[in-house]
Amino acid sequence: MPVVLGPETWPGWLGEEPADARQLNAMLAPYPSENMTCRPVGPRVGSVKNNDPSLIEPVAVGTDAVAQPLFGGTTFKW
């Protein structure tokens, strides 16, 4: 599972500031969902051959962009 780290933890995690094992383990905590943003993106996100800044541009709601389920389940239109 990926770890989401807040900017205040980056220096310790990246070794720019000293951090012992206890401090590093404390960073491996769930990131607060209220600090995250969820938005629709285009289907190009689903292919590793695509790698450019346009991948994170939001898709307008009501377009024909189709969201693919991450771990199975229902596919839906935005």
PDB file of N, CA and C in Angstrom:
ATOM      1  N   MET A   1       0.848  -1.173   0.000  1.00  0.00           N
ATOM      2  CA  MET A   1       0.000   0.000   0.000  1.00  0.00           C
ATOM      3  C   MET A   1       0.894   1.237   0.000  1.00  0.00           C
ATOM      4  N   PRO A   2       0.600   2.208  -0.855  1.00  0.00           N
ATOM      5  CA  PRO A   2       1.413   3.433  -0.867  1.00  0.00           C
ATOM      6  C   PRO A   2       1.218   4.233   0.414  1.00  0.00           C
ATOM      7  N   VAL A   3       2.218   5.017   0.719  1.00  0.00           N
ATOM      8  CA  VAL A   3       2.162   5.891   1.890  1.00  0.00           C
ATOM      9  C   VAL A   3       2.053   7.325   1.399  1.00  0.00           C
ATOM     10  N   VAL A   4       1.106   8.071   1.939  1.00  0.00           N
ATOM     11  CA  VAL A   4       0.961   9.489   1.616  1.00  0.00           C
ATOM     12  C   VAL A   4       1.547  10.258   2.783  1.00  0.00           C
ATOM     13  N   LEU A   5       2.538  11.073   2.494  1.00  0.00           N
ATOM     14  CA  LEU A   5       3.215  11.852   3.537  1.00  0.00           C
ATOM     15  C   LEU A   5       2.940  13.333   3.349  1.00  0.00           C
ATOM     16  N   GLY A   6       2.655  14.008   4.430  1.00  0.00           N
ATOM     17  CA  GLY A   6       2.486  15.457   4.392  1.00  0.00           C
ATOM     18  C   GLY A   6       3.827  16.146   4.212  1.00  0.00           C
ATOM     19  N   PRO A   7       3.839  17.352   3.671  1.00  0.00           N
ATOM     20  CA  PRO A   7       5.085  18.077   3.409  1.00  0.00           C
ATOM     21  C   PRO A   7       5.973  18.237   4.639  1.00  0.00           C
ATOM     22  N   GLU A   8       5.378  18.303   5.819  1.00  0.00           N
ATOM     23  CA  GLU A   8       6.177  18.473   7.032  1.00  0.00           C
ATOM     24  C   GLU A   8       7.048  17.250   7.332  1.00  0.00           C
ATOM     25  N   THR A   9       6.721  16.087   6.759  1.00  0.00           N
ATOM     26  CA  THR A   9       7.501  14.871   7.005  1.00  0.00           C
ATOM     27  C   THR A   9       8.571  14.613   5.942  1.00  0.00           C
ATOM     28  N   TRP A  10       8.515  15.306   4.832  1.00  0.00           N
ATOM     29  CA  TRP A  10       9.415  15.023   3.721  1.00  0.00           C
ATOM     30  C   TRP A  10      10.894  15.075   4.094  1.00  0.00           C
ATOM     31  N   PRO A  11      11.374  16.117   4.790  1.00  0.00           N
ATOM     32  CA  PRO A  11      12.809  16.153   5.092  1.00  0.00           C
ATOM     33  C   PRO A  11      13.300  14.939   5.888  1.00  0.00           C
ATOM     34  N   GLY A  12      12.548  14.503   6.881  1.00  0.00           N
ATOM     35  CA  GLY A  12      12.945  13.325   7.655  1.00  0.00           C
ATOM     36  C   GLY A  12      12.876  12.055   6.832  1.00  0.00           C
ATOM     37  N   TRP A  13      11.817  11.894   6.044  1.00  0.00           N
ATOM     38  CA  TRP A  13      11.639  10.698   5.229  1.00  0.00           C
ATOM     39  C   TRP A  13      12.720  10.593   4.157  1.00  0.00           C
ATOM     40  N   LEU A  14      13.085  11.731   3.568  1.00  0.00           N
ATOM     41  CA  LEU A  14      14.071  11.731   2.482  1.00  0.00           C
ATOM     42  C   LEU A  14      15.512  11.795   2.968  1.00  0.00           C
ATOM     43  N   GLY A  15      15.708  11.849   4.283  1.00  0.00           N
ATOM     44  CA  GLY A  15      17.062  11.856   4.828  1.00  0.00           C
ATOM     45  C   GLY A  15      17.720  13.216   4.840  1.00  0.00           C
ATOM     46  N   GLU A  16      16.960  14.268   4.577  1.00  0.00           N
ATOM     47  CA  GLU A  16      17.509  15.624   4.611  1.00  0.00           C
ATOM     48  C   GLU A  16      17.682  16.100   6.051  1.00  0.00           C
ATOM     49  N   GLU A  17      16.927  15.527   6.961  1.00  0.00           N
ATOM     50  CA  GLU A  17      17.040  15.779   8.396  1.00  0.00           C
ATOM     51  C   GLU A  17      17.159  14.426   9.084  1.00  0.00           C
ATOM     52  N   PRO A  18      17.860  14.369  10.221  1.00  0.00           N
ATOM     53  CA  PRO A  18      17.978  13.082  10.915  1.00  0.00           C
ATOM     54  C   PRO A  18      16.624  12.592  11.436  1.00  0.00           C
ATOM     55  N   ALA A  19      16.408  11.288  11.325  1.00  0.00           N
ATOM     56  CA  ALA A  19      15.200  10.658  11.852  1.00  0.00           C
ATOM     57  C   ALA A  19      15.547   9.223  12.225  1.00  0.00           C
ATOM     58  N   ASP A  20      15.189   8.820  13.440  1.00  0.00           N
ATOM     59  CA  ASP A  20      15.445   7.438  13.841  1.00  0.00           C
ATOM     60  C   ASP A  20      14.277   6.546  13.418  1.00  0.00           C
ATOM     61  N   ALA A  21      14.419   5.260  13.662  1.00  0.00           N
ATOM     62  CA  ALA A  21      13.400   4.288  13.234  1.00  0.00           C
ATOM     63  C   ALA A  21      12.033   4.604  13.844  1.00  0.00           C
ATOM     64  N   ARG A  22      11.988   5.034  15.079  1.00  0.00           N
ATOM     65  CA  ARG A  22      10.716   5.355  15.725  1.00  0.00           C
ATOM     66  C   ARG A  22      10.029   6.501  15.002  1.00  0.00           C
ATOM     67  N   GLN A  23      10.777   7.547  14.649  1.00  0.00           N
ATOM     68  CA  GLN A  23      10.210   8.692  13.940  1.00  0.00           C
ATOM     69  C   GLN A  23       9.717   8.291  12.542  1.00  0.00           C
ATOM     70  N   LEU A  24      10.496   7.474  11.869  1.00  0.00           N
ATOM     71  CA  LEU A  24      10.105   7.030  10.527  1.00  0.00           C
ATOM     72  C   LEU A  24       8.848   6.158  10.590  1.00  0.00           C
ATOM     73  N   ASN A  25       8.790   5.242  11.558  1.00  0.00           N
ATOM     74  CA  ASN A  25       7.591   4.408  11.712  1.00  0.00           C
ATOM     75  C   ASN A  25       6.360   5.240  12.027  1.00  0.00           C
ATOM     76  N   ALA A  26       6.519   6.311  12.781  1.00  0.00           N
ATOM     77  CA  ALA A  26       5.388   7.177  13.123  1.00  0.00           C
ATOM     78  C   ALA A  26       4.813   7.865  11.882  1.00  0.00           C
ATOM     79  N   MET A  27       5.638   8.025  10.838  1.00  0.00           N
ATOM     80  CA  MET A  27       5.164   8.644   9.596  1.00  0.00           C
ATOM     81  C   MET A  27       4.263   7.706   8.808  1.00  0.00           C
ATOM     82  N   LEU A  28       4.325   6.405   9.102  1.00  0.00           N
ATOM     83  CA  LEU A  28       3.544   5.403   8.376  1.00  0.00           C
ATOM     84  C   LEU A  28       2.154   5.273   8.997  1.00  0.00           C
ATOM     85  N   ALA A  29       1.450   6.357   8.978  1.00  0.00           N
ATOM     86  CA  ALA A  29       0.096   6.415   9.542  1.00  0.00           C
ATOM     87  C   ALA A  29      -0.867   6.818   8.433  1.00  0.00           C
ATOM     88  N   PRO A  30      -2.134   6.451   8.559  1.00  0.00           N
ATOM     89  CA  PRO A  30      -3.102   6.859   7.538  1.00  0.00           C
ATOM     90  C   PRO A  30      -3.127   8.379   7.371  1.00  0.00           C
ATOM     91  N   TYR A  31      -3.135   8.818   6.126  1.00  0.00           N
ATOM     92  CA  TYR A  31      -3.213  10.247   5.833  1.00  0.00           C
ATOM     93  C   TYR A  31      -4.666  10.677   5.988  1.00  0.00           C
ATOM     94  N   PRO A  32      -4.919  11.806   6.617  1.00  0.00           N
ATOM     95  CA  PRO A  32      -6.308  12.245   6.842  1.00  0.00           C
ATOM     96  C   PRO A  32      -7.064  12.444   5.523  1.00  0.00           C
ATOM     97  N   SER A  33      -8.182  11.768   5.398  1.00  0.00           N
ATOM     98  CA  SER A  33      -8.951  11.852   4.158  1.00  0.00           C
ATOM     99  C   SER A  33      -9.460  13.267   3.887  1.00  0.00           C
ATOM    100  N   GLU A  34      -9.677  14.051   4.922  1.00  0.00           N
ATOM    101  CA  GLU A  34     -10.150  15.422   4.705  1.00  0.00           C
ATOM    102  C   GLU A  34      -9.087  16.297   4.037  1.00  0.00           C
ATOM    103  N   ASN A  35      -7.839  15.834   4.005  1.00  0.00           N
ATOM    104  CA  ASN A  35      -6.767  16.574   3.339  1.00  0.00           C
ATOM    105  C   ASN A  35      -6.562  16.121   1.893  1.00  0.00           C
ATOM    106  N   MET A  36      -7.349  15.152   1.439  1.00  0.00           N
ATOM    107  CA  MET A  36      -7.225  14.629   0.076  1.00  0.00           C
ATOM    108  C   MET A  36      -8.331  15.194  -0.803  1.00  0.00           C
ATOM    109  N   THR A  37      -8.057  15.217  -2.094  1.00  0.00           N
ATOM    110  CA  THR A  37      -9.038  15.654  -3.083  1.00  0.00           C
ATOM    111  C   THR A  37      -9.233  14.532  -4.088  1.00  0.00           C
ATOM    112  N   CYS A  38     -10.463  14.231  -4.380  1.00  0.00           N
ATOM    113  CA  CYS A  38     -10.798  13.217  -5.377  1.00  0.00           C
ATOM    114  C   CYS A  38     -11.484  13.922  -6.541  1.00  0.00           C
ATOM    115  N   ARG A  39     -11.014  13.642  -7.746  1.00  0.00           N
ATOM    116  CA  ARG A  39     -11.638  14.258  -8.914  1.00  0.00           C
ATOM    117  C   ARG A  39     -11.497  13.317 -10.105  1.00  0.00           C
ATOM    118  N   PRO A  40     -12.413  13.400 -11.045  1.00  0.00           N
ATOM    119  CA  PRO A  40     -12.327  12.522 -12.216  1.00  0.00           C
ATOM    120  C   PRO A  40     -11.150  12.903 -13.107  1.00  0.00           C
ATOM    121  N   VAL A  41     -10.543  11.899 -13.697  1.00  0.00           N
ATOM    122  CA  VAL A  41      -9.471  12.098 -14.673  1.00  0.00           C
ATOM    123  C   VAL A  41      -9.792  11.250 -15.892  1.00  0.00           C
ATOM    124  N   GLY A  42      -9.101  11.491 -16.965  1.00  0.00           N
ATOM    125  CA  GLY A  42      -9.363  10.784 -18.210  1.00  0.00           C
ATOM    126  C   GLY A  42      -8.833   9.366 -18.210  1.00  0.00           C
ATOM    127  N   PRO A  43      -9.241   8.564 -19.178  1.00  0.00           N
ATOM    128  CA  PRO A  43      -8.833   7.170 -19.259  1.00  0.00           C
ATOM    129  C   PRO A  43      -7.347   6.968 -19.544  1.00  0.00           C
ATOM    130  N   ARG A  44      -6.641   7.997 -20.007  1.00  0.00           N
ATOM    131  CA  ARG A  44      -5.198   7.886 -20.268  1.00  0.00           C
ATOM    132  C   ARG A  44      -4.427   7.567 -18.999  1.00  0.00           C
ATOM    133  N   VAL A  45      -5.000   7.871 -17.827  1.00  0.00           N
ATOM    134  CA  VAL A  45      -4.339   7.604 -16.556  1.00  0.00           C
ATOM    135  C   VAL A  45      -4.090   6.107 -16.384  1.00  0.00           C
ATOM    136  N   GLY A  46      -4.936   5.279 -16.978  1.00  0.00           N
ATOM    137  CA  GLY A  46      -4.850   3.839 -16.796  1.00  0.00           C
ATOM    138  C   GLY A  46      -3.754   3.139 -17.576  1.00  0.00           C
ATOM    139  N   SER A  47      -2.943   3.854 -18.322  1.00  0.00           N
ATOM    140  CA  SER A  47      -1.894   3.226 -19.124  1.00  0.00           C
ATOM    141  C   SER A  47      -0.518   3.746 -18.728  1.00  0.00           C
ATOM    142  N   VAL A  48       0.405   2.830 -18.447  1.00  0.00           N
ATOM    143  CA  VAL A  48       1.758   3.231 -18.054  1.00  0.00           C
ATOM    144  C   VAL A  48       2.534   3.877 -19.191  1.00  0.00           C
ATOM    145  N   LYS A  49       2.063   3.746 -20.425  1.00  0.00           N
ATOM    146  CA  LYS A  49       2.772   4.382 -21.547  1.00  0.00           C
ATOM    147  C   LYS A  49       2.566   5.897 -21.557  1.00  0.00           C
ATOM    148  N   ASN A  50       1.587   6.384 -20.805  1.00  0.00           N
ATOM    149  CA  ASN A  50       1.328   7.824 -20.715  1.00  0.00           C
ATOM    150  C   ASN A  50       2.000   8.381 -19.475  1.00  0.00           C
ATOM    151  N   ASN A  51       2.752   9.456 -19.647  1.00  0.00           N
ATOM    152  CA  ASN A  51       3.458  10.058 -18.518  1.00  0.00           C
ATOM    153  C   ASN A  51       3.704  11.535 -18.819  1.00  0.00           C
ATOM    154  N   ASP A  52       2.689  12.347 -18.581  1.00  0.00           N
ATOM    155  CA  ASP A  52       2.840  13.779 -18.791  1.00  0.00           C
ATOM    156  C   ASP A  52       1.892  14.521 -17.854  1.00  0.00           C
ATOM    157  N   PRO A  53       2.107  15.817 -17.665  1.00  0.00           N
ATOM    158  CA  PRO A  53       1.296  16.587 -16.716  1.00  0.00           C
ATOM    159  C   PRO A  53      -0.198  16.605 -17.014  1.00  0.00           C
ATOM    160  N   SER A  54      -0.585  16.360 -18.252  1.00  0.00           N
ATOM    161  CA  SER A  54      -2.014  16.406 -18.575  1.00  0.00           C
ATOM    162  C   SER A  54      -2.801  15.296 -17.882  1.00  0.00           C
ATOM    163  N   LEU A  55      -2.124  14.276 -17.381  1.00  0.00           N
ATOM    164  CA  LEU A  55      -2.810  13.165 -16.727  1.00  0.00           C
ATOM    165  C   LEU A  55      -3.549  13.585 -15.461  1.00  0.00           C
ATOM    166  N   ILE A  56      -3.106  14.638 -14.816  1.00  0.00           N
ATOM    167  CA  ILE A  56      -3.765  15.057 -13.574  1.00  0.00           C
ATOM    168  C   ILE A  56      -4.740  16.207 -13.774  1.00  0.00           C
ATOM    169  N   GLU A  57      -4.967  16.596 -15.020  1.00  0.00           N
ATOM    170  CA  GLU A  57      -5.954  17.639 -15.286  1.00  0.00           C
ATOM    171  C   GLU A  57      -7.348  17.057 -15.101  1.00  0.00           C
ATOM    172  N   PRO A  58      -8.219  17.757 -14.375  1.00  0.00           N
ATOM    173  CA  PRO A  58      -9.575  17.240 -14.160  1.00  0.00           C
ATOM    174  C   PRO A  58     -10.356  17.130 -15.467  1.00  0.00           C
ATOM    175  N   VAL A  59     -11.227  16.157 -15.533  1.00  0.00           N
ATOM    176  CA  VAL A  59     -12.127  15.976 -16.657  1.00  0.00           C
ATOM    177  C   VAL A  59     -13.441  16.639 -16.280  1.00  0.00           C
ATOM    178  N   ALA A  60     -14.031  17.356 -17.202  1.00  0.00           N
ATOM    179  CA  ALA A  60     -15.303  18.020 -16.928  1.00  0.00           C
ATOM    180  C   ALA A  60     -16.383  16.982 -16.671  1.00  0.00           C
ATOM    181  N   VAL A  61     -17.153  17.201 -15.644  1.00  0.00           N
ATOM    182  CA  VAL A  61     -18.261  16.313 -15.327  1.00  0.00           C
ATOM    183  C   VAL A  61     -19.269  16.376 -16.466  1.00  0.00           C
ATOM    184  N   GLY A  62     -19.802  15.231 -16.844  1.00  0.00           N
ATOM    185  CA  GLY A  62     -20.754  15.173 -17.944  1.00  0.00           C
ATOM    186  C   GLY A  62     -20.110  14.847 -19.274  1.00  0.00           C
ATOM    187  N   THR A  63     -18.790  14.618 -19.295  1.00  0.00           N
ATOM    188  CA  THR A  63     -18.125  14.237 -20.541  1.00  0.00           C
ATOM    189  C   THR A  63     -18.267  12.742 -20.735  1.00  0.00           C
ATOM    190  N   ASP A  64     -17.727  12.258 -21.811  1.00  0.00           N
ATOM    191  CA  ASP A  64     -17.770  10.828 -22.083  1.00  0.00           C
ATOM    192  C   ASP A  64     -16.604  10.077 -21.454  1.00  0.00           C
ATOM    193  N   ALA A  65     -15.844  10.729 -20.593  1.00  0.00           N
ATOM    194  CA  ALA A  65     -14.746  10.039 -19.920  1.00  0.00           C
ATOM    195  C   ALA A  65     -15.332   8.935 -19.046  1.00  0.00           C
ATOM    196  N   VAL A  66     -14.743   7.772 -19.122  1.00  0.00           N
ATOM    197  CA  VAL A  66     -15.239   6.637 -18.349  1.00  0.00           C
ATOM    198  C   VAL A  66     -14.252   6.330 -17.247  1.00  0.00           C
ATOM    199  N   ALA A  67     -14.740   6.236 -16.027  1.00  0.00           N
ATOM    200  CA  ALA A  67     -13.898   5.879 -14.890  1.00  0.00           C
ATOM    201  C   ALA A  67     -13.820   4.368 -14.792  1.00  0.00           C
ATOM    202  N   GLN A  68     -12.615   3.836 -14.743  1.00  0.00           N
ATOM    203  CA  GLN A  68     -12.426   2.400 -14.603  1.00  0.00           C
ATOM    204  C   GLN A  68     -12.229   2.079 -13.124  1.00  0.00           C
ATOM    205  N   PRO A  69     -12.850   1.015 -12.631  1.00  0.00           N
ATOM    206  CA  PRO A  69     -12.690   0.666 -11.232  1.00  0.00           C
ATOM    207  C   PRO A  69     -11.256   0.251 -10.933  1.00  0.00           C
ATOM    208  N   LEU A  70     -10.754   0.628  -9.772  1.00  0.00           N
ATOM    209  CA  LEU A  70      -9.383   0.328  -9.399  1.00  0.00           C
ATOM    210  C   LEU A  70      -9.202  -1.143  -9.061  1.00  0.00           C
ATOM    211  N   PHE A  71     -10.094  -1.715  -8.286  1.00  0.00           N
ATOM    212  CA  PHE A  71      -9.963  -3.106  -7.848  1.00  0.00           C
ATOM    213  C   PHE A  71     -11.182  -3.935  -8.225  1.00  0.00           C
ATOM    214  N   GLY A  72     -11.682  -3.747  -9.434  1.00  0.00           N
ATOM    215  CA  GLY A  72     -12.877  -4.456  -9.841  1.00  0.00           C
ATOM    216  C   GLY A  72     -14.106  -3.685  -9.397  1.00  0.00           C
ATOM    217  N   GLY A  73     -15.249  -4.145  -9.778  1.00  0.00           N
ATOM    218  CA  GLY A  73     -16.465  -3.465  -9.374  1.00  0.00           C
ATOM    219  C   GLY A  73     -17.137  -2.811 -10.570  1.00  0.00           C
ATOM    220  N   THR A  74     -17.942  -1.847 -10.315  1.00  0.00           N
ATOM    221  CA  THR A  74     -18.764  -1.214 -11.334  1.00  0.00           C
ATOM    222  C   THR A  74     -18.013  -0.106 -12.051  1.00  0.00           C
ATOM    223  N   THR A  75     -18.130  -0.070 -13.357  1.00  0.00           N
ATOM    224  CA  THR A  75     -17.606   1.039 -14.153  1.00  0.00           C
ATOM    225  C   THR A  75     -18.728   2.049 -14.307  1.00  0.00           C
ATOM    226  N   PHE A  76     -18.410   3.322 -14.233  1.00  0.00           N
ATOM    227  CA  PHE A  76     -19.449   4.337 -14.324  1.00  0.00           C
ATOM    228  C   PHE A  76     -18.962   5.520 -15.136  1.00  0.00           C
ATOM    229  N   LYS A  77     -19.908   6.316 -15.651  1.00  0.00           N
ATOM    230  CA  LYS A  77     -19.581   7.551 -16.356  1.00  0.00           C
ATOM    231  C   LYS A  77     -19.693   8.716 -15.408  1.00  0.00           C
ATOM    232  N   TRP A  78     -18.892   9.741 -15.618  1.00  0.00           N
ATOM    233  CA  TRP A  78     -18.932  10.932 -14.770  1.00  0.00           C
ATOM    234  C   TRP A  78     -20.066  11.790 -15.190  1.00  0.00           C
TER     235      TRP A  78
END
